[in-house]
Every structure is written in structure tokens, then in C-alpha cells.
Amino acid sequence: MSDQVGLGRALEKGYPGDRICAFGDFGGARLVIAKGGTPEWPMLIFGDGKSEVKGITITADNVVLSGFNVVGGIAPGILMRGNNITVEHNTVTHPTGEDHDGLRFFGANLKILHNTISYIDPERTDAHADCMQSFATGPDAPASQNVLIDGNACLEIDNQCLIVEGPHSSAGDGSGIGVTKDITFSNNFCDANASQAVQIDDVQNVRITDNDINAGVRKAFSFQNNSTGAVIEGNDISPCVKYEIGMDASSRRDYRGPDIGGRP
């Protein structure tokens, strides 16, 4: 499909297992995917690597999306809300509005693979601009489980590359429903500029391996508020980063990784 109307119709009429291919510039509109497939036959939506949109919203289960460029538009650049969603080989550049986040995810069995998210900058506002984020605050923002975040590049990020908050997060606005757990953050490049590159709050069984963390942060990884069962190994940390692990006492149960360097 090479026009916005045609792509919209194809998405509305699609069936499980359909492969919908887009090519050309859709830069004037946000791509909204509200219909998916089945676990065995997901809906497959492919851009040509040049297809430009103003944002992507997925609110369906069983979707694979690849090959789109999000340029500008209203943040988050990509929103994933559902189960069994894969988002791969896309780019997000400088979304604006709200918290200016590059990507937000909510749900179970999610894959975020080989995307490039760049220039996440709040332009001198008070926005908390992060590369990727999840939180659990209600029906539209449920606890996330079994999430693989692998091979992505977060470039020129004003705050953190990843922040995950569970339903009992220390922010005080969580739903109190469910458990956020089983998050893997691996093989990512992180150019962050907050106190830490990754912040984990009330999330169990987080695995952080083989990432490249730049010099813009004080510590690499922060765990707090009963974020137990963490595994940290094989990360390449800039020598300018003061310490790799910040962790509070409540999160130390079943921790495996380098020595804890200080506070979260």
C-alpha cells in the first residue's frame, strides 16, 4: 500500500496471518493498528525501510510490525499495548509532546528488537524524556511480563534508555494490580544522560546482559522497591561511569551480578 487511505483499509480488513506491505511516505499521519491476528497467525505489517509516519499506535494482540520510520509526531513515537506484539527494525526520531518518550510498552510476550530511537529531547521543558518506558497504572497501562528488548540503539537520550515501573512503584501512582516481571534488556547501545541508564522499580526477574553503556550517566543500572531476582552480566560500561549497579536492600534477594556500587 502506498497511500494512507489504502493502508488504513488494509489494516481494517486484514485477517490473521495476512502480510500487509507499505511503501512510500505516510508522514502526515499516525499509523494506528487496532486489529491483530492469532498467536499462531499474527498480523504482519511491513514498511519498506523508507516508509515515514508521524507515530505508531498498536492496541491489538498478535502483531508483527517492521520497517517504519517515525519522524516527529506526538510522543510516544511507538505505543505498544497488547499481547504477543513484535516491533522490529524501525526508527523513531524526536517525538514531541507529553514526556517526549520514544517507545512505551504494556502487555505480555512483547519483543522490541533492533530499533533505533534517537534525539529524545524535551526541548528545555520539564518533560522526562526516555528512550523506552513501561509503567502499571490502570487498565490502559497494565503490568508488563515476558518482554525481550534486544539489539536496539538509544541515541541522544535526554534521560534514561529504559525505565520500568511495576504496579507498586515508588512513584505512588501504580494500580496495585498484577506483577511486572521477566524483562530482558540485552545487546542494546545506550546513550543516556540521567542519573542512570536503566531504572527498575517494583519489577521482578530482570535480566540485563551484554549492553553498551556510554559515559553520560553516574551509574549504569538502578534497582529499587523489591526489584528482586535481577541478573546482570557481560555489560560494557564506560570507565567514566562511577559504578555499574545501584540497588536498595529490598531488591537484593536472588541478585546475581557485579558488586553493588551504591544507592539506586
C-alpha atoms as a PDB file:
ATOM      1  CA  MET A   1       0.000   0.000   0.000  1.00  0.00           C
ATOM      2  CA  SER A   2       1.415   3.369  -0.960  1.00  0.00           C
ATOM      3  CA  ASP A   3      -1.242   5.732   0.370  1.00  0.00           C
ATOM      4  CA  GLN A   4      -2.676   6.430   3.802  1.00  0.00           C
ATOM      5  CA  VAL A   5      -6.275   5.535   2.921  1.00  0.00           C
ATOM      6  CA  GLY A   6      -5.311   2.255   1.275  1.00  0.00           C
ATOM      7  CA  LEU A   7      -3.128   1.223   4.190  1.00  0.00           C
ATOM      8  CA  GLY A   8      -5.891   2.059   6.658  1.00  0.00           C
ATOM      9  CA  ARG A   9      -8.386  -0.078   4.750  1.00  0.00           C
ATOM     10  CA  ALA A  10      -5.962  -2.977   4.538  1.00  0.00           C
ATOM     11  CA  LEU A  11      -5.407  -2.862   8.294  1.00  0.00           C
ATOM     12  CA  GLU A  12      -9.146  -2.783   8.976  1.00  0.00           C
ATOM     13  CA  LYS A  13      -9.915  -5.708   6.654  1.00  0.00           C
ATOM     14  CA  GLY A  14      -6.882  -7.824   7.456  1.00  0.00           C
ATOM     15  CA  TYR A  15      -7.152 -11.425   8.654  1.00  0.00           C
ATOM     16  CA  PRO A  16      -4.850 -13.476  10.899  1.00  0.00           C
ATOM     17  CA  GLY A  17      -1.672 -14.328   9.038  1.00  0.00           C
ATOM     18  CA  ASP A  18      -2.095 -11.578   6.448  1.00  0.00           C
ATOM     19  CA  ARG A  19       1.067  -9.821   5.299  1.00  0.00           C
ATOM     20  CA  ILE A  20       0.406  -6.122   4.713  1.00  0.00           C
ATOM     21  CA  CYS A  21       3.213  -4.274   2.955  1.00  0.00           C
ATOM     22  CA  ALA A  22       3.553  -0.481   2.876  1.00  0.00           C
ATOM     23  CA  PHE A  23       5.851   1.651   0.792  1.00  0.00           C
ATOM     24  CA  GLY A  24       6.172   5.375   0.347  1.00  0.00           C
ATOM     25  CA  ASP A  25       5.707   8.350   2.644  1.00  0.00           C
ATOM     26  CA  PHE A  26       2.850   8.325   5.169  1.00  0.00           C
ATOM     27  CA  GLY A  27       4.435  11.183   7.117  1.00  0.00           C
ATOM     28  CA  GLY A  28       1.252  13.172   7.563  1.00  0.00           C
ATOM     29  CA  ALA A  29      -0.498  10.682   9.839  1.00  0.00           C
ATOM     30  CA  ARG A  30      -0.036   8.308  12.764  1.00  0.00           C
ATOM     31  CA  LEU A  31      -0.230   4.625  11.934  1.00  0.00           C
ATOM     32  CA  VAL A  32      -2.909   3.008  14.138  1.00  0.00           C
ATOM     33  CA  ILE A  33      -3.189  -0.776  14.360  1.00  0.00           C
ATOM     34  CA  ALA A  34      -6.276  -1.878  16.247  1.00  0.00           C
ATOM     35  CA  LYS A  35      -6.741  -5.342  14.739  1.00  0.00           C
ATOM     36  CA  GLY A  36      -4.366  -8.271  15.098  1.00  0.00           C
ATOM     37  CA  GLY A  37      -4.139 -11.943  14.335  1.00  0.00           C
ATOM     38  CA  THR A  38      -3.895 -15.045  16.477  1.00  0.00           C
ATOM     39  CA  PRO A  39      -0.890 -16.458  18.385  1.00  0.00           C
ATOM     40  CA  GLU A  40      -0.293 -18.939  15.564  1.00  0.00           C
ATOM     41  CA  TRP A  41      -1.056 -16.463  12.776  1.00  0.00           C
ATOM     42  CA  PRO A  42      -0.133 -12.897  13.753  1.00  0.00           C
ATOM     43  CA  MET A  43      -0.901  -9.915  11.574  1.00  0.00           C
ATOM     44  CA  LEU A  44       2.302  -8.981   9.697  1.00  0.00           C
ATOM     45  CA  ILE A  45       2.786  -5.302   8.806  1.00  0.00           C
ATOM     46  CA  PHE A  46       5.930  -4.341   6.920  1.00  0.00           C
ATOM     47  CA  GLY A  47       7.242  -0.993   5.755  1.00  0.00           C
ATOM     48  CA  ASP A  48       9.957  -0.839   3.118  1.00  0.00           C
ATOM     49  CA  GLY A  49      12.521   0.771   5.443  1.00  0.00           C
ATOM     50  CA  LYS A  50      11.732   4.177   3.981  1.00  0.00           C
ATOM     51  CA  SER A  51       8.053   4.449   4.925  1.00  0.00           C
ATOM     52  CA  GLU A  52       7.621   7.536   7.122  1.00  0.00           C
ATOM     53  CA  VAL A  53       4.806   8.086   9.630  1.00  0.00           C
ATOM     54  CA  LYS A  54       4.111  10.549  12.454  1.00  0.00           C
ATOM     55  CA  GLY A  55       3.864   7.802  15.063  1.00  0.00           C
ATOM     56  CA  ILE A  56       2.691   4.226  15.578  1.00  0.00           C
ATOM     57  CA  THR A  57      -0.025   3.020  17.965  1.00  0.00           C
ATOM     58  CA  ILE A  58      -0.661  -0.719  18.372  1.00  0.00           C
ATOM     59  CA  THR A  59      -3.675  -1.652  20.517  1.00  0.00           C
ATOM     60  CA  ALA A  60      -4.163  -5.229  19.310  1.00  0.00           C
ATOM     61  CA  ASP A  61      -2.783  -8.656  20.146  1.00  0.00           C
ATOM     62  CA  ASN A  62      -0.637 -10.811  17.854  1.00  0.00           C
ATOM     63  CA  VAL A  63       1.015  -8.201  15.640  1.00  0.00           C
ATOM     64  CA  VAL A  64       4.447  -8.030  13.994  1.00  0.00           C
ATOM     65  CA  LEU A  65       5.500  -4.602  12.748  1.00  0.00           C
ATOM     66  CA  SER A  66       8.744  -3.795  10.950  1.00  0.00           C
ATOM     67  CA  GLY A  67      10.407  -1.285   8.650  1.00  0.00           C
ATOM     68  CA  PHE A  68       8.818   2.079   9.517  1.00  0.00           C
ATOM     69  CA  ASN A  69      10.392   5.450  10.280  1.00  0.00           C
ATOM     70  CA  VAL A  70       8.669   7.604  12.895  1.00  0.00           C
ATOM     71  CA  VAL A  71       9.709  11.215  12.391  1.00  0.00           C
ATOM     72  CA  GLY A  72       8.374  13.891  14.742  1.00  0.00           C
ATOM     73  CA  GLY A  73       4.782  13.407  15.750  1.00  0.00           C
ATOM     74  CA  ILE A  74       3.246  13.219  19.204  1.00  0.00           C
ATOM     75  CA  ALA A  75       5.022  11.104  21.797  1.00  0.00           C
ATOM     76  CA  PRO A  76       5.362   8.286  22.395  1.00  0.00           C
ATOM     77  CA  GLY A  77       6.803   7.629  18.967  1.00  0.00           C
ATOM     78  CA  ILE A  78       5.674   3.988  19.220  1.00  0.00           C
ATOM     79  CA  LEU A  79       2.995   2.788  21.635  1.00  0.00           C
ATOM     80  CA  MET A  80       2.577  -0.978  22.184  1.00  0.00           C
ATOM     81  CA  ARG A  81      -0.464  -2.030  24.213  1.00  0.00           C
ATOM     82  CA  GLY A  82      -1.436  -5.684  23.952  1.00  0.00           C
ATOM     83  CA  ASN A  83      -0.024  -9.205  23.987  1.00  0.00           C
ATOM     84  CA  ASN A  84       2.252 -11.055  21.581  1.00  0.00           C
ATOM     85  CA  ILE A  85       3.488  -7.939  19.782  1.00  0.00           C
ATOM     86  CA  THR A  86       6.831  -7.687  17.991  1.00  0.00           C
ATOM     87  CA  VAL A  87       8.228  -4.303  16.912  1.00  0.00           C
ATOM     88  CA  GLU A  88      11.491  -4.579  14.997  1.00  0.00           C
ATOM     89  CA  HIS A  89      13.768  -2.727  12.579  1.00  0.00           C
ATOM     90  CA  ASN A  90      12.036   0.643  12.960  1.00  0.00           C
ATOM     91  CA  THR A  91      13.403   4.113  13.685  1.00  0.00           C
ATOM     92  CA  VAL A  92      11.983   6.823  15.942  1.00  0.00           C
ATOM     93  CA  THR A  93      13.331  10.367  15.740  1.00  0.00           C
ATOM     94  CA  HIS A  94      12.411  13.233  18.070  1.00  0.00           C
ATOM     95  CA  PRO A  95       8.745  12.773  19.030  1.00  0.00           C
ATOM     96  CA  THR A  96       7.342  15.769  20.884  1.00  0.00           C
ATOM     97  CA  GLY A  97       4.638  16.455  23.447  1.00  0.00           C
ATOM     98  CA  GLU A  98       3.768  14.716  26.716  1.00  0.00           C
ATOM     99  CA  ASP A  99       7.037  13.209  28.071  1.00  0.00           C
ATOM    100  CA  HIS A 100       8.678  13.002  24.631  1.00  0.00           C
ATOM    101  CA  ASP A 101       9.255   9.247  25.089  1.00  0.00           C
ATOM    102  CA  GLY A 102      10.492   7.216  22.152  1.00  0.00           C
ATOM    103  CA  LEU A 103       8.583   3.990  22.869  1.00  0.00           C
ATOM    104  CA  ARG A 104       6.142   2.801  25.531  1.00  0.00           C
ATOM    105  CA  PHE A 105       5.063  -0.794  26.043  1.00  0.00           C
ATOM    106  CA  PHE A 106       2.328  -2.501  28.064  1.00  0.00           C
ATOM    107  CA  GLY A 107       1.335  -6.159  27.979  1.00  0.00           C
ATOM    108  CA  ALA A 108       2.738  -9.678  27.874  1.00  0.00           C
ATOM    109  CA  ASN A 109       5.022 -11.521  25.474  1.00  0.00           C
ATOM    110  CA  LEU A 110       6.428  -8.440  23.805  1.00  0.00           C
ATOM    111  CA  LYS A 111       9.539  -8.176  21.608  1.00  0.00           C
ATOM    112  CA  ILE A 112      11.341  -4.895  20.900  1.00  0.00           C
ATOM    113  CA  LEU A 113      14.163  -5.766  18.512  1.00  0.00           C
ATOM    114  CA  HIS A 114      16.760  -3.854  16.503  1.00  0.00           C
ATOM    115  CA  ASN A 115      15.084  -0.453  16.564  1.00  0.00           C
ATOM    116  CA  THR A 116      16.937   2.883  16.562  1.00  0.00           C
ATOM    117  CA  ILE A 117      15.442   5.582  18.779  1.00  0.00           C
ATOM    118  CA  SER A 118      17.173   8.943  18.675  1.00  0.00           C
ATOM    119  CA  TYR A 119      17.050  12.592  19.643  1.00  0.00           C
ATOM    120  CA  ILE A 120      14.710  12.119  22.595  1.00  0.00           C
ATOM    121  CA  ASP A 121      14.962  15.656  23.881  1.00  0.00           C
ATOM    122  CA  PRO A 122      12.306  17.685  25.736  1.00  0.00           C
ATOM    123  CA  GLU A 123      13.498  20.975  24.242  1.00  0.00           C
ATOM    124  CA  ARG A 124      14.035  22.728  27.568  1.00  0.00           C
ATOM    125  CA  THR A 125      10.651  21.708  29.021  1.00  0.00           C
ATOM    126  CA  ASP A 126      10.118  19.698  32.218  1.00  0.00           C
ATOM    127  CA  ALA A 127       9.290  16.509  30.298  1.00  0.00           C
ATOM    128  CA  HIS A 128      11.011  13.308  31.433  1.00  0.00           C
ATOM    129  CA  ALA A 129      12.216  12.129  28.031  1.00  0.00           C
ATOM    130  CA  ASP A 130      13.211   8.438  27.935  1.00  0.00           C
ATOM    131  CA  CYS A 131      14.070   6.073  25.115  1.00  0.00           C
ATOM    132  CA  MET A 132      11.744   3.268  26.318  1.00  0.00           C
ATOM    133  CA  GLN A 133       9.312   3.105  29.219  1.00  0.00           C
ATOM    134  CA  SER A 134       6.629   0.972  30.863  1.00  0.00           C
ATOM    135  CA  PHE A 135       4.544   1.519  33.989  1.00  0.00           C
ATOM    136  CA  ALA A 136       1.442  -0.074  35.536  1.00  0.00           C
ATOM    137  CA  THR A 137      -1.183   2.482  36.446  1.00  0.00           C
ATOM    138  CA  GLY A 138      -4.534   1.110  35.267  1.00  0.00           C
ATOM    139  CA  PRO A 139      -6.481  -0.761  32.580  1.00  0.00           C
ATOM    140  CA  ASP A 140      -4.812   1.177  29.766  1.00  0.00           C
ATOM    141  CA  ALA A 141      -1.362   0.681  31.297  1.00  0.00           C
ATOM    142  CA  PRO A 142      -1.250  -2.888  32.670  1.00  0.00           C
ATOM    143  CA  ALA A 143       1.709  -4.677  34.217  1.00  0.00           C
ATOM    144  CA  SER A 144       4.153  -5.971  31.599  1.00  0.00           C
ATOM    145  CA  GLN A 145       5.513  -9.530  31.582  1.00  0.00           C
ATOM    146  CA  ASN A 146       7.886 -11.569  29.456  1.00  0.00           C
ATOM    147  CA  VAL A 147       9.396  -8.694  27.485  1.00  0.00           C
ATOM    148  CA  LEU A 148      12.523  -9.017  25.323  1.00  0.00           C
ATOM    149  CA  ILE A 149      14.331  -5.762  24.447  1.00  0.00           C
ATOM    150  CA  ASP A 150      17.310  -6.734  22.309  1.00  0.00           C
ATOM    151  CA  GLY A 151      19.673  -5.131  19.812  1.00  0.00           C
ATOM    152  CA  ASN A 152      18.270  -1.601  19.959  1.00  0.00           C
ATOM    153  CA  ALA A 153      20.152   1.709  19.806  1.00  0.00           C
ATOM    154  CA  CYS A 154      19.127   4.602  22.059  1.00  0.00           C
ATOM    155  CA  LEU A 155      20.939   7.720  20.820  1.00  0.00           C
ATOM    156  CA  GLU A 156      20.939  11.258  22.224  1.00  0.00           C
ATOM    157  CA  ILE A 157      18.536  10.389  25.032  1.00  0.00           C
ATOM    158  CA  ASP A 158      17.922  13.222  27.479  1.00  0.00           C
ATOM    159  CA  ASN A 159      17.097  10.894  30.378  1.00  0.00           C
ATOM    160  CA  GLN A 160      17.125   7.072  30.546  1.00  0.00           C
ATOM    161  CA  CYS A 161      17.317   4.333  27.971  1.00  0.00           C
ATOM    162  CA  LEU A 162      14.823   2.192  29.878  1.00  0.00           C
ATOM    163  CA  ILE A 163      12.541   2.767  32.848  1.00  0.00           C
ATOM    164  CA  VAL A 164      10.148   0.067  34.049  1.00  0.00           C
ATOM    165  CA  GLU A 165       7.772   0.662  36.960  1.00  0.00           C
ATOM    166  CA  GLY A 166       5.546  -2.035  38.444  1.00  0.00           C
ATOM    167  CA  PRO A 167       2.070  -1.665  39.957  1.00  0.00           C
ATOM    168  CA  HIS A 168       3.527  -0.765  43.383  1.00  0.00           C
ATOM    169  CA  SER A 169       6.144   1.643  42.072  1.00  0.00           C
ATOM    170  CA  SER A 170       7.698   4.231  44.340  1.00  0.00           C
ATOM    171  CA  ALA A 171       6.179   6.923  42.121  1.00  0.00           C
ATOM    172  CA  GLY A 172       2.967   6.324  44.076  1.00  0.00           C
ATOM    173  CA  ASP A 173       0.643   6.230  41.065  1.00  0.00           C
ATOM    174  CA  GLY A 174       0.602   2.499  40.352  1.00  0.00           C
ATOM    175  CA  SER A 175      -2.552   0.419  40.028  1.00  0.00           C
ATOM    176  CA  GLY A 176      -1.557  -2.115  42.700  1.00  0.00           C
ATOM    177  CA  ILE A 177      -2.822  -4.833  40.335  1.00  0.00           C
ATOM    178  CA  GLY A 178      -0.692  -7.612  38.918  1.00  0.00           C
ATOM    179  CA  VAL A 179       3.085  -8.101  38.747  1.00  0.00           C
ATOM    180  CA  THR A 180       5.608  -6.642  36.334  1.00  0.00           C
ATOM    181  CA  LYS A 181       8.284  -9.295  35.738  1.00  0.00           C
ATOM    182  CA  ASP A 182      10.574 -11.194  33.388  1.00  0.00           C
ATOM    183  CA  ILE A 183      12.097  -8.293  31.461  1.00  0.00           C
ATOM    184  CA  THR A 184      15.252  -8.923  29.391  1.00  0.00           C
ATOM    185  CA  PHE A 185      17.375  -5.965  28.258  1.00  0.00           C
ATOM    186  CA  SER A 186      20.241  -7.275  26.119  1.00  0.00           C
ATOM    187  CA  ASN A 187      22.685  -6.234  23.396  1.00  0.00           C
ATOM    188  CA  ASN A 188      21.476  -2.625  23.357  1.00  0.00           C
ATOM    189  CA  PHE A 189      23.522   0.551  22.878  1.00  0.00           C
ATOM    190  CA  CYS A 190      22.617   3.222  25.410  1.00  0.00           C
ATOM    191  CA  ASP A 191      23.485   6.912  25.091  1.00  0.00           C
ATOM    192  CA  ALA A 192      21.676   8.232  28.180  1.00  0.00           C
ATOM    193  CA  ASN A 193      22.077  11.387  30.234  1.00  0.00           C
ATOM    194  CA  ALA A 194      20.221  10.831  33.525  1.00  0.00           C
ATOM    195  CA  SER A 195      21.494   9.522  36.879  1.00  0.00           C
ATOM    196  CA  GLN A 196      21.299   6.004  35.419  1.00  0.00           C
ATOM    197  CA  ALA A 197      20.861   4.327  32.055  1.00  0.00           C
ATOM    198  CA  VAL A 198      18.226   1.832  33.261  1.00  0.00           C
ATOM    199  CA  GLN A 199      15.825   2.302  36.184  1.00  0.00           C
ATOM    200  CA  ILE A 200      13.879  -0.674  37.579  1.00  0.00           C
ATOM    201  CA  ASP A 201      11.201  -0.070  40.236  1.00  0.00           C
ATOM    202  CA  ASP A 202       8.994  -2.886  41.614  1.00  0.00           C
ATOM    203  CA  VAL A 203       9.898  -5.317  38.819  1.00  0.00           C
ATOM    204  CA  GLN A 204      10.934  -8.928  39.392  1.00  0.00           C
ATOM    205  CA  ASN A 205      13.327 -11.125  37.410  1.00  0.00           C
ATOM    206  CA  VAL A 206      15.028  -8.531  35.240  1.00  0.00           C
ATOM    207  CA  ARG A 207      17.944  -9.736  33.137  1.00  0.00           C
ATOM    208  CA  ILE A 208      20.430  -7.133  31.822  1.00  0.00           C
ATOM    209  CA  THR A 209      23.207  -8.567  29.665  1.00  0.00           C
ATOM    210  CA  ASP A 210      25.748  -7.553  27.028  1.00  0.00           C
ATOM    211  CA  ASN A 211      24.725  -3.913  26.709  1.00  0.00           C
ATOM    212  CA  ASP A 212      26.986  -0.974  25.841  1.00  0.00           C
ATOM    213  CA  ILE A 213      26.506   1.926  28.289  1.00  0.00           C
ATOM    214  CA  ASN A 214      28.037   5.318  27.476  1.00  0.00           C
ATOM    215  CA  ALA A 215      29.609   7.932  29.736  1.00  0.00           C
ATOM    216  CA  GLY A 216      26.595  10.197  30.222  1.00  0.00           C
ATOM    217  CA  VAL A 217      25.300   8.550  33.414  1.00  0.00           C
ATOM    218  CA  ARG A 218      26.517   8.316  37.017  1.00  0.00           C
ATOM    219  CA  LYS A 219      25.592   4.631  37.357  1.00  0.00           C
ATOM    220  CA  ALA A 220      24.507   2.112  34.771  1.00  0.00           C
ATOM    221  CA  PHE A 221      21.607   0.209  36.377  1.00  0.00           C
ATOM    222  CA  SER A 222      19.295   1.114  39.259  1.00  0.00           C
ATOM    223  CA  PHE A 223      17.082  -1.354  41.177  1.00  0.00           C
ATOM    224  CA  GLN A 224      14.672  -0.362  43.925  1.00  0.00           C
ATOM    225  CA  ASN A 225      11.440  -1.222  45.686  1.00  0.00           C
ATOM    226  CA  ASN A 226      11.540  -5.033  45.772  1.00  0.00           C
ATOM    227  CA  SER A 227      13.004  -5.459  42.304  1.00  0.00           C
ATOM    228  CA  THR A 228      14.307  -8.914  43.195  1.00  0.00           C
ATOM    229  CA  GLY A 229      15.828 -11.715  41.131  1.00  0.00           C
ATOM    230  CA  ALA A 230      17.959  -9.497  38.886  1.00  0.00           C
ATOM    231  CA  VAL A 231      20.737 -10.961  36.727  1.00  0.00           C
ATOM    232  CA  ILE A 232      23.427  -8.567  35.458  1.00  0.00           C
ATOM    233  CA  GLU A 233      26.334  -9.795  33.347  1.00  0.00           C
ATOM    234  CA  GLY A 234      28.562  -9.061  30.370  1.00  0.00           C
ATOM    235  CA  ASN A 235      27.820  -5.344  30.010  1.00  0.00           C
ATOM    236  CA  ASP A 236      30.380  -2.915  28.568  1.00  0.00           C
ATOM    237  CA  ILE A 237      30.343   0.095  30.889  1.00  0.00           C
ATOM    238  CA  SER A 238      32.206   3.308  30.086  1.00  0.00           C
ATOM    239  CA  PRO A 239      35.077   3.887  32.546  1.00  0.00           C
ATOM    240  CA  CYS A 240      33.578   7.331  33.192  1.00  0.00           C
ATOM    241  CA  VAL A 241      30.515   5.730  34.816  1.00  0.00           C
ATOM    242  CA  LYS A 242      31.037   5.764  38.607  1.00  0.00           C
ATOM    243  CA  TYR A 243      29.539   2.315  39.278  1.00  0.00           C
ATOM    244  CA  GLU A 244      27.552  -0.319  37.440  1.00  0.00           C
ATOM    245  CA  ILE A 245      24.897  -1.346  39.984  1.00  0.00           C
ATOM    246  CA  GLY A 246      22.819   0.801  42.313  1.00  0.00           C
ATOM    247  CA  MET A 247      20.447  -1.237  44.466  1.00  0.00           C
ATOM    248  CA  ASP A 248      18.465  -0.863  47.672  1.00  0.00           C
ATOM    249  CA  ALA A 249      18.251  -3.528  50.374  1.00  0.00           C
ATOM    250  CA  SER A 250      14.749  -4.644  49.364  1.00  0.00           C
ATOM    251  CA  SER A 251      15.958  -5.696  45.898  1.00  0.00           C
ATOM    252  CA  ARG A 252      18.961  -7.855  46.844  1.00  0.00           C
ATOM    253  CA  ARG A 253      17.195 -11.205  47.179  1.00  0.00           C
ATOM    254  CA  ASP A 254      18.360 -13.654  44.473  1.00  0.00           C
ATOM    255  CA  TYR A 255      20.541 -10.991  42.826  1.00  0.00           C
ATOM    256  CA  ARG A 256      23.347 -12.277  40.591  1.00  0.00           C
ATOM    257  CA  GLY A 257      25.876  -9.876  39.152  1.00  0.00           C
ATOM    258  CA  PRO A 258      28.738  -7.469  39.871  1.00  0.00           C
ATOM    259  CA  ASP A 259      29.266  -5.959  43.299  1.00  0.00           C
ATOM    260  CA  ILE A 260      26.686  -3.332  44.223  1.00  0.00           C
ATOM    261  CA  GLY A 261      28.360   0.042  43.999  1.00  0.00           C
ATOM    262  CA  GLY A 262      25.935   2.327  45.773  1.00  0.00           C
ATOM    263  CA  ARG A 263      22.413   3.580  46.094  1.00  0.00           C
ATOM    264  CA  PRO A 264      19.807   3.180  43.340  1.00  0.00           C
END
